[in-house]
Amino acid sequence: MRRMEFDELLVSHKRILFKICNLYCRNAADREDLAQEILVQLWQAFPRFDGRCRFSTWMYRVALNVAISFARKEGRRGARQAAFDEAVLEVAAPLESDEMRLLHTFIAGLGELDKALMLLYLDGNSYAEMGEVLGISETNASTRISRLKSAMKKEMA
């Protein structure tokens, strides 16, 4: 019964998995490895999902923690941080191609936490949801997003 529930929830929220894998992995093989690791961790953690938050919030939390750990391991092996894939930005407002490239470049240069914040922000999450997913306060999420927006405007100007 729980397996069917898990499968249904996963199918309806698969875009989260794709976005995170595209955000943190540069090539297809790494994306597949990360996706598999996230799926394993989601399944192992699913018995502890108690419904106090939305499934998507819980899924973001687990998946981003796995992705950040994965990126750190890759970084220690000398791999470059992943570029921001266009699939992640499909939720953003349409931009001209030059603006899109600037946005990709800006986000690619961010640290793991700031990349995660931008993903959550572009996906339309509230500051409270961002904080809950990332384990930071709502105020901290708001402040960091504000700083990221300012830095992005400065970079794109």
N, C-alpha and C. Protein backbone atom coordinates (compact mmCIF):
# COMPACT_ATOMS: atom_id res chain seq x y z
N MET A 1 0.82 -1.20 0.00
CA MET A 1 0.00 0.00 0.00
C MET A 1 0.86 1.26 0.00
N ARG A 2 1.87 1.31 0.87
CA ARG A 2 2.75 2.48 0.92
C ARG A 2 3.52 2.61 -0.39
N ARG A 3 3.85 1.47 -1.01
CA ARG A 3 4.60 1.50 -2.26
C ARG A 3 3.78 2.18 -3.35
N MET A 4 2.50 1.86 -3.42
CA MET A 4 1.63 2.48 -4.42
C MET A 4 1.48 3.98 -4.15
N GLU A 5 1.33 4.33 -2.90
CA GLU A 5 1.22 5.75 -2.52
C GLU A 5 2.49 6.49 -2.91
N PHE A 6 3.64 5.90 -2.60
CA PHE A 6 4.92 6.50 -2.94
C PHE A 6 5.05 6.68 -4.45
N ASP A 7 4.73 5.63 -5.20
CA ASP A 7 4.82 5.71 -6.66
C ASP A 7 3.94 6.81 -7.23
N GLU A 8 2.71 6.91 -6.74
CA GLU A 8 1.78 7.95 -7.22
C GLU A 8 2.30 9.34 -6.91
N LEU A 9 2.79 9.53 -5.69
CA LEU A 9 3.33 10.84 -5.31
C LEU A 9 4.56 11.19 -6.14
N LEU A 10 5.40 10.20 -6.35
CA LEU A 10 6.61 10.42 -7.13
C LEU A 10 6.29 10.80 -8.57
N VAL A 11 5.34 10.12 -9.17
CA VAL A 11 4.95 10.42 -10.55
C VAL A 11 4.40 11.84 -10.65
N SER A 12 3.60 12.23 -9.68
CA SER A 12 3.00 13.57 -9.76
C SER A 12 3.99 14.69 -9.42
N HIS A 13 5.14 14.34 -8.85
CA HIS A 13 6.14 15.35 -8.48
C HIS A 13 7.49 15.10 -9.16
N LYS A 14 7.49 14.37 -10.26
CA LYS A 14 8.75 14.01 -10.92
C LYS A 14 9.54 15.21 -11.42
N ARG A 15 8.84 16.31 -11.71
CA ARG A 15 9.55 17.50 -12.21
C ARG A 15 10.57 18.00 -11.19
N ILE A 16 10.26 17.83 -9.91
CA ILE A 16 11.21 18.25 -8.86
C ILE A 16 12.52 17.48 -9.02
N LEU A 17 12.41 16.19 -9.23
CA LEU A 17 13.59 15.34 -9.41
C LEU A 17 14.40 15.79 -10.62
N PHE A 18 13.72 16.02 -11.75
CA PHE A 18 14.42 16.44 -12.97
C PHE A 18 15.11 17.79 -12.77
N LYS A 19 14.42 18.72 -12.14
CA LYS A 19 15.01 20.05 -11.93
C LYS A 19 16.26 19.98 -11.07
N ILE A 20 16.19 19.24 -10.00
CA ILE A 20 17.32 19.17 -9.09
C ILE A 20 18.50 18.46 -9.76
N CYS A 21 18.24 17.38 -10.46
CA CYS A 21 19.33 16.68 -11.15
C CYS A 21 19.97 17.56 -12.22
N ASN A 22 19.16 18.31 -12.94
CA ASN A 22 19.69 19.23 -13.95
C ASN A 22 20.47 20.37 -13.31
N LEU A 23 20.05 20.79 -12.15
CA LEU A 23 20.71 21.89 -11.46
C LEU A 23 22.09 21.50 -10.97
N TYR A 24 22.23 20.30 -10.46
CA TYR A 24 23.47 19.91 -9.81
C TYR A 24 24.38 19.02 -10.64
N CYS A 25 23.95 18.57 -11.80
CA CYS A 25 24.80 17.67 -12.61
C CYS A 25 24.98 18.20 -14.01
N ARG A 26 26.16 18.09 -14.48
CA ARG A 26 26.53 18.62 -15.78
C ARG A 26 26.24 17.65 -16.92
N ASN A 27 26.46 16.36 -16.70
CA ASN A 27 26.28 15.41 -17.80
C ASN A 27 25.24 14.36 -17.47
N ALA A 28 24.81 13.65 -18.49
CA ALA A 28 23.71 12.70 -18.36
C ALA A 28 24.02 11.58 -17.38
N ALA A 29 25.24 11.07 -17.39
CA ALA A 29 25.60 9.97 -16.49
C ALA A 29 25.51 10.41 -15.03
N ASP A 30 26.01 11.61 -14.74
CA ASP A 30 25.92 12.13 -13.37
C ASP A 30 24.47 12.38 -12.97
N ARG A 31 23.67 12.88 -13.92
CA ARG A 31 22.25 13.11 -13.61
C ARG A 31 21.55 11.80 -13.27
N GLU A 32 21.88 10.75 -14.03
CA GLU A 32 21.27 9.45 -13.75
C GLU A 32 21.70 8.92 -12.39
N ASP A 33 22.99 9.06 -12.06
CA ASP A 33 23.49 8.61 -10.76
C ASP A 33 22.81 9.37 -9.63
N LEU A 34 22.71 10.69 -9.80
CA LEU A 34 22.07 11.50 -8.77
C LEU A 34 20.59 11.15 -8.63
N ALA A 35 19.91 10.99 -9.74
CA ALA A 35 18.49 10.64 -9.70
C ALA A 35 18.29 9.33 -8.96
N GLN A 36 19.13 8.36 -9.24
CA GLN A 36 19.02 7.07 -8.57
C GLN A 36 19.26 7.22 -7.07
N GLU A 37 20.27 7.98 -6.70
CA GLU A 37 20.56 8.19 -5.28
C GLU A 37 19.41 8.92 -4.58
N ILE A 38 18.83 9.91 -5.24
CA ILE A 38 17.69 10.63 -4.66
C ILE A 38 16.52 9.68 -4.47
N LEU A 39 16.23 8.87 -5.48
CA LEU A 39 15.12 7.93 -5.38
C LEU A 39 15.31 6.95 -4.23
N VAL A 40 16.51 6.45 -4.08
CA VAL A 40 16.80 5.53 -2.97
C VAL A 40 16.56 6.23 -1.63
N GLN A 41 17.07 7.45 -1.51
CA GLN A 41 16.92 8.18 -0.24
C GLN A 41 15.45 8.54 0.02
N LEU A 42 14.72 8.90 -1.02
CA LEU A 42 13.29 9.20 -0.84
C LEU A 42 12.55 7.97 -0.35
N TRP A 43 12.83 6.82 -0.96
CA TRP A 43 12.14 5.59 -0.58
C TRP A 43 12.50 5.21 0.86
N GLN A 44 13.77 5.33 1.21
CA GLN A 44 14.19 4.98 2.58
C GLN A 44 13.58 5.93 3.61
N ALA A 45 13.41 7.19 3.24
CA ALA A 45 12.87 8.18 4.18
C ALA A 45 11.34 8.22 4.18
N PHE A 46 10.71 7.63 3.18
CA PHE A 46 9.26 7.72 3.04
C PHE A 46 8.48 7.26 4.27
N PRO A 47 8.90 6.22 4.98
CA PRO A 47 8.15 5.84 6.18
C PRO A 47 8.10 6.94 7.25
N ARG A 48 9.04 7.86 7.20
CA ARG A 48 9.06 8.98 8.16
C ARG A 48 8.27 10.20 7.67
N PHE A 49 7.78 10.15 6.43
CA PHE A 49 6.94 11.24 5.92
C PHE A 49 5.59 11.15 6.62
N ASP A 50 5.29 12.18 7.42
CA ASP A 50 4.08 12.13 8.24
C ASP A 50 2.97 13.06 7.76
N GLY A 51 3.19 13.75 6.67
CA GLY A 51 2.15 14.61 6.12
C GLY A 51 2.00 15.96 6.80
N ARG A 52 2.89 16.29 7.72
CA ARG A 52 2.79 17.61 8.37
C ARG A 52 3.12 18.73 7.39
N CYS A 53 3.86 18.42 6.36
CA CYS A 53 4.13 19.40 5.29
C CYS A 53 3.68 18.75 3.99
N ARG A 54 3.63 19.56 2.94
CA ARG A 54 3.27 19.00 1.63
C ARG A 54 4.33 18.01 1.18
N PHE A 55 3.92 17.04 0.37
CA PHE A 55 4.87 16.07 -0.15
C PHE A 55 5.97 16.76 -0.94
N SER A 56 5.61 17.78 -1.73
CA SER A 56 6.61 18.47 -2.55
C SER A 56 7.66 19.14 -1.68
N THR A 57 7.26 19.71 -0.55
CA THR A 57 8.21 20.34 0.37
C THR A 57 9.17 19.29 0.92
N TRP A 58 8.61 18.17 1.36
CA TRP A 58 9.42 17.09 1.90
C TRP A 58 10.37 16.54 0.83
N MET A 59 9.86 16.37 -0.39
CA MET A 59 10.66 15.84 -1.48
C MET A 59 11.82 16.79 -1.81
N TYR A 60 11.53 18.09 -1.89
CA TYR A 60 12.60 19.07 -2.12
C TYR A 60 13.67 18.92 -1.05
N ARG A 61 13.26 18.84 0.21
CA ARG A 61 14.21 18.77 1.32
C ARG A 61 15.14 17.57 1.16
N VAL A 62 14.57 16.40 0.96
CA VAL A 62 15.38 15.19 0.82
C VAL A 62 16.26 15.27 -0.42
N ALA A 63 15.66 15.63 -1.56
CA ALA A 63 16.39 15.64 -2.82
C ALA A 63 17.52 16.67 -2.83
N LEU A 64 17.26 17.85 -2.30
CA LEU A 64 18.31 18.88 -2.27
C LEU A 64 19.45 18.48 -1.34
N ASN A 65 19.13 17.87 -0.21
CA ASN A 65 20.20 17.40 0.68
C ASN A 65 21.07 16.36 -0.01
N VAL A 66 20.45 15.44 -0.71
CA VAL A 66 21.21 14.42 -1.46
C VAL A 66 22.04 15.09 -2.55
N ALA A 67 21.44 16.01 -3.28
CA ALA A 67 22.13 16.68 -4.39
C ALA A 67 23.32 17.51 -3.89
N ILE A 68 23.13 18.20 -2.79
CA ILE A 68 24.23 19.01 -2.24
C ILE A 68 25.38 18.10 -1.80
N SER A 69 25.06 17.00 -1.14
CA SER A 69 26.10 16.04 -0.75
C SER A 69 26.80 15.47 -1.97
N PHE A 70 26.02 15.15 -3.00
CA PHE A 70 26.56 14.62 -4.25
C PHE A 70 27.51 15.63 -4.88
N ALA A 71 27.09 16.89 -4.93
CA ALA A 71 27.92 17.94 -5.54
C ALA A 71 29.21 18.14 -4.76
N ARG A 72 29.13 18.05 -3.44
CA ARG A 72 30.34 18.19 -2.63
C ARG A 72 31.31 17.05 -2.89
N LYS A 73 30.78 15.83 -3.00
CA LYS A 73 31.64 14.68 -3.30
C LYS A 73 32.29 14.86 -4.66
N GLU A 74 31.49 15.30 -5.64
CA GLU A 74 32.03 15.53 -6.98
C GLU A 74 33.08 16.63 -6.95
N GLY A 75 32.85 17.67 -6.15
CA GLY A 75 33.80 18.77 -6.02
C GLY A 75 35.12 18.30 -5.46
N ARG A 76 35.07 17.39 -4.49
CA ARG A 76 36.30 16.87 -3.90
C ARG A 76 37.08 16.04 -4.92
N ARG A 77 36.38 15.47 -5.88
CA ARG A 77 37.06 14.68 -6.91
C ARG A 77 37.54 15.57 -8.04
N GLY A 78 37.33 16.88 -7.90
CA GLY A 78 37.83 17.80 -8.90
C GLY A 78 36.85 18.13 -10.00
N ALA A 79 35.65 17.59 -9.92
CA ALA A 79 34.65 17.90 -10.96
C ALA A 79 34.15 19.33 -10.77
N ARG A 80 33.82 19.97 -11.85
CA ARG A 80 33.27 21.33 -11.77
C ARG A 80 31.82 21.26 -11.35
N GLN A 81 31.36 22.32 -10.73
CA GLN A 81 29.94 22.40 -10.35
C GLN A 81 29.08 22.42 -11.61
N ALA A 82 27.90 21.89 -11.50
CA ALA A 82 26.99 21.76 -12.65
C ALA A 82 26.50 23.11 -13.11
N ALA A 83 26.29 23.22 -14.42
CA ALA A 83 25.66 24.41 -14.99
C ALA A 83 24.15 24.28 -14.82
N PHE A 84 23.50 25.39 -14.81
CA PHE A 84 22.05 25.40 -14.62
C PHE A 84 21.39 25.04 -15.94
N ASP A 85 20.66 23.97 -16.00
CA ASP A 85 20.05 23.47 -17.22
C ASP A 85 18.77 24.25 -17.53
N GLU A 86 18.44 24.40 -18.80
CA GLU A 86 17.24 25.13 -19.17
C GLU A 86 15.98 24.51 -18.62
N ALA A 87 15.98 23.21 -18.39
CA ALA A 87 14.80 22.55 -17.85
C ALA A 87 14.44 23.10 -16.48
N VAL A 88 15.44 23.53 -15.72
CA VAL A 88 15.18 24.08 -14.40
C VAL A 88 14.46 25.42 -14.52
N LEU A 89 14.74 26.14 -15.58
CA LEU A 89 14.19 27.48 -15.73
C LEU A 89 12.85 27.52 -16.44
N GLU A 90 12.27 26.36 -16.75
CA GLU A 90 11.01 26.37 -17.46
C GLU A 90 9.90 27.02 -16.65
N VAL A 91 10.09 27.15 -15.33
CA VAL A 91 9.08 27.79 -14.50
C VAL A 91 9.27 29.31 -14.46
N ALA A 92 10.43 29.78 -14.91
CA ALA A 92 10.70 31.21 -14.89
C ALA A 92 9.96 31.90 -16.03
N ALA A 93 9.80 33.19 -15.88
CA ALA A 93 9.17 33.98 -16.94
C ALA A 93 10.04 33.89 -18.19
N PRO A 94 9.42 33.89 -19.36
CA PRO A 94 10.22 33.81 -20.60
C PRO A 94 11.18 34.99 -20.71
N LEU A 95 12.41 34.69 -21.05
CA LEU A 95 13.43 35.71 -21.19
C LEU A 95 14.02 35.63 -22.59
N GLU A 96 14.59 36.72 -23.04
CA GLU A 96 15.31 36.70 -24.29
C GLU A 96 16.52 35.81 -24.12
N SER A 97 17.06 35.28 -25.20
CA SER A 97 18.15 34.32 -25.11
C SER A 97 19.40 34.89 -24.44
N ASP A 98 19.73 36.16 -24.70
CA ASP A 98 20.88 36.76 -24.03
C ASP A 98 20.65 36.83 -22.53
N GLU A 99 19.45 37.21 -22.14
CA GLU A 99 19.12 37.28 -20.71
C GLU A 99 19.17 35.89 -20.09
N MET A 100 18.71 34.89 -20.82
CA MET A 100 18.74 33.52 -20.33
C MET A 100 20.17 33.05 -20.11
N ARG A 101 21.05 33.37 -21.05
CA ARG A 101 22.46 32.99 -20.89
C ARG A 101 23.08 33.68 -19.68
N LEU A 102 22.76 34.95 -19.50
CA LEU A 102 23.27 35.66 -18.32
C LEU A 102 22.75 35.03 -17.04
N LEU A 103 21.50 34.66 -17.04
CA LEU A 103 20.91 34.02 -15.86
C LEU A 103 21.58 32.67 -15.60
N HIS A 104 21.80 31.88 -16.64
CA HIS A 104 22.49 30.60 -16.50
C HIS A 104 23.87 30.80 -15.90
N THR A 105 24.60 31.76 -16.44
CA THR A 105 25.95 32.04 -15.97
C THR A 105 25.94 32.47 -14.51
N PHE A 106 25.02 33.34 -14.16
CA PHE A 106 24.92 33.82 -12.79
C PHE A 106 24.65 32.66 -11.83
N ILE A 107 23.67 31.84 -12.16
CA ILE A 107 23.29 30.75 -11.26
C ILE A 107 24.37 29.69 -11.20
N ALA A 108 25.05 29.43 -12.29
CA ALA A 108 26.13 28.44 -12.30
C ALA A 108 27.25 28.81 -11.33
N GLY A 109 27.43 30.10 -11.09
CA GLY A 109 28.48 30.55 -10.19
C GLY A 109 28.10 30.57 -8.72
N LEU A 110 26.87 30.21 -8.40
CA LEU A 110 26.41 30.23 -7.01
C LEU A 110 26.84 28.98 -6.26
N GLY A 111 26.89 29.10 -4.95
CA GLY A 111 27.14 27.94 -4.09
C GLY A 111 25.92 27.06 -4.02
N GLU A 112 26.07 25.88 -3.39
CA GLU A 112 24.98 24.91 -3.37
C GLU A 112 23.69 25.46 -2.75
N LEU A 113 23.80 26.12 -1.62
CA LEU A 113 22.60 26.63 -0.94
C LEU A 113 21.91 27.70 -1.77
N ASP A 114 22.69 28.60 -2.35
CA ASP A 114 22.09 29.66 -3.16
C ASP A 114 21.45 29.10 -4.44
N LYS A 115 22.05 28.07 -5.03
CA LYS A 115 21.43 27.42 -6.19
C LYS A 115 20.08 26.83 -5.78
N ALA A 116 20.07 26.17 -4.64
CA ALA A 116 18.82 25.58 -4.15
C ALA A 116 17.78 26.66 -3.90
N LEU A 117 18.19 27.76 -3.31
CA LEU A 117 17.25 28.87 -3.07
C LEU A 117 16.70 29.41 -4.38
N MET A 118 17.55 29.58 -5.38
CA MET A 118 17.08 30.08 -6.67
C MET A 118 16.10 29.11 -7.32
N LEU A 119 16.38 27.82 -7.22
CA LEU A 119 15.47 26.82 -7.76
C LEU A 119 14.11 26.93 -7.09
N LEU A 120 14.11 27.00 -5.78
CA LEU A 120 12.84 27.10 -5.04
C LEU A 120 12.13 28.41 -5.36
N TYR A 121 12.89 29.49 -5.47
CA TYR A 121 12.31 30.80 -5.80
C TYR A 121 11.68 30.79 -7.19
N LEU A 122 12.42 30.28 -8.17
CA LEU A 122 11.91 30.24 -9.54
C LEU A 122 10.72 29.29 -9.68
N ASP A 123 10.64 28.34 -8.76
CA ASP A 123 9.53 27.39 -8.78
C ASP A 123 8.31 27.94 -8.04
N GLY A 124 8.41 29.16 -7.52
CA GLY A 124 7.25 29.83 -6.93
C GLY A 124 6.98 29.49 -5.47
N ASN A 125 7.97 28.97 -4.77
CA ASN A 125 7.78 28.66 -3.35
C ASN A 125 7.85 29.93 -2.51
N SER A 126 7.12 29.93 -1.40
CA SER A 126 7.15 31.06 -0.48
C SER A 126 8.44 31.00 0.34
N TYR A 127 8.78 32.11 1.00
CA TYR A 127 9.97 32.14 1.85
C TYR A 127 9.84 31.12 2.97
N ALA A 128 8.64 30.95 3.49
CA ALA A 128 8.42 29.96 4.55
C ALA A 128 8.71 28.55 4.03
N GLU A 129 8.24 28.26 2.81
CA GLU A 129 8.49 26.94 2.22
C GLU A 129 9.98 26.75 1.93
N MET A 130 10.64 27.79 1.43
CA MET A 130 12.07 27.70 1.18
C MET A 130 12.82 27.39 2.46
N GLY A 131 12.47 28.12 3.52
CA GLY A 131 13.11 27.90 4.81
C GLY A 131 12.88 26.50 5.33
N GLU A 132 11.65 26.01 5.18
CA GLU A 132 11.33 24.67 5.65
C GLU A 132 12.12 23.62 4.89
N VAL A 133 12.21 23.77 3.58
CA VAL A 133 12.94 22.80 2.75
C VAL A 133 14.42 22.79 3.10
N LEU A 134 15.00 23.97 3.26
CA LEU A 134 16.45 24.09 3.43
C LEU A 134 16.90 24.13 4.89
N GLY A 135 15.94 24.15 5.81
CA GLY A 135 16.31 24.17 7.22
C GLY A 135 16.86 25.51 7.68
N ILE A 136 16.37 26.58 7.06
CA ILE A 136 16.77 27.93 7.48
C ILE A 136 15.49 28.69 7.82
N SER A 137 15.65 29.83 8.47
CA SER A 137 14.47 30.60 8.84
C SER A 137 13.86 31.28 7.62
N GLU A 138 12.60 31.61 7.73
CA GLU A 138 11.91 32.34 6.67
C GLU A 138 12.62 33.67 6.41
N THR A 139 13.04 34.33 7.47
CA THR A 139 13.75 35.61 7.34
C THR A 139 15.07 35.42 6.61
N ASN A 140 15.79 34.36 6.94
CA ASN A 140 17.06 34.09 6.28
C ASN A 140 16.82 33.83 4.79
N ALA A 141 15.79 33.05 4.47
CA ALA A 141 15.47 32.80 3.06
C ALA A 141 15.15 34.09 2.33
N SER A 142 14.34 34.93 2.95
CA SER A 142 13.96 36.21 2.35
C SER A 142 15.18 37.10 2.13
N THR A 143 16.03 37.18 3.13
CA THR A 143 17.22 38.01 3.03
C THR A 143 18.16 37.51 1.94
N ARG A 144 18.37 36.20 1.90
CA ARG A 144 19.27 35.63 0.90
C ARG A 144 18.73 35.83 -0.52
N ILE A 145 17.42 35.65 -0.69
CA ILE A 145 16.82 35.87 -2.02
C ILE A 145 16.96 37.33 -2.42
N SER A 146 16.74 38.22 -1.48
CA SER A 146 16.87 39.65 -1.77
C SER A 146 18.30 39.97 -2.22
N ARG A 147 19.26 39.41 -1.52
CA ARG A 147 20.67 39.64 -1.88
C ARG A 147 21.00 39.02 -3.24
N LEU A 148 20.45 37.84 -3.49
CA LEU A 148 20.69 37.20 -4.78
C LEU A 148 20.07 38.02 -5.92
N LYS A 149 18.88 38.55 -5.70
CA LYS A 149 18.24 39.39 -6.72
C LYS A 149 19.09 40.63 -6.99
N SER A 150 19.59 41.26 -5.93
CA SER A 150 20.42 42.45 -6.11
C SER A 150 21.69 42.13 -6.87
N ALA A 151 22.33 41.02 -6.49
CA ALA A 151 23.55 40.62 -7.18
C ALA A 151 23.27 40.28 -8.64
N MET A 152 22.14 39.65 -8.89
CA MET A 152 21.79 39.27 -10.26
C MET A 152 21.50 40.52 -11.10
N LYS A 153 20.78 41.48 -10.53
CA LYS A 153 20.53 42.72 -11.27
C LYS A 153 21.82 43.44 -11.61
N LYS A 154 22.73 43.47 -10.64
CA LYS A 154 24.03 44.11 -10.85
C LYS A 154 24.80 43.39 -11.95
N GLU A 155 24.81 42.07 -11.91
CA GLU A 155 25.52 41.27 -12.91
C GLU A 155 24.92 41.44 -14.31
N MET A 156 23.61 41.53 -14.36
CA MET A 156 22.94 41.61 -15.67
C MET A 156 22.89 43.01 -16.23
N ALA A 157 23.24 43.99 -15.44
CA ALA A 157 23.20 45.39 -15.89
C ALA A 157 24.35 45.71 -16.83
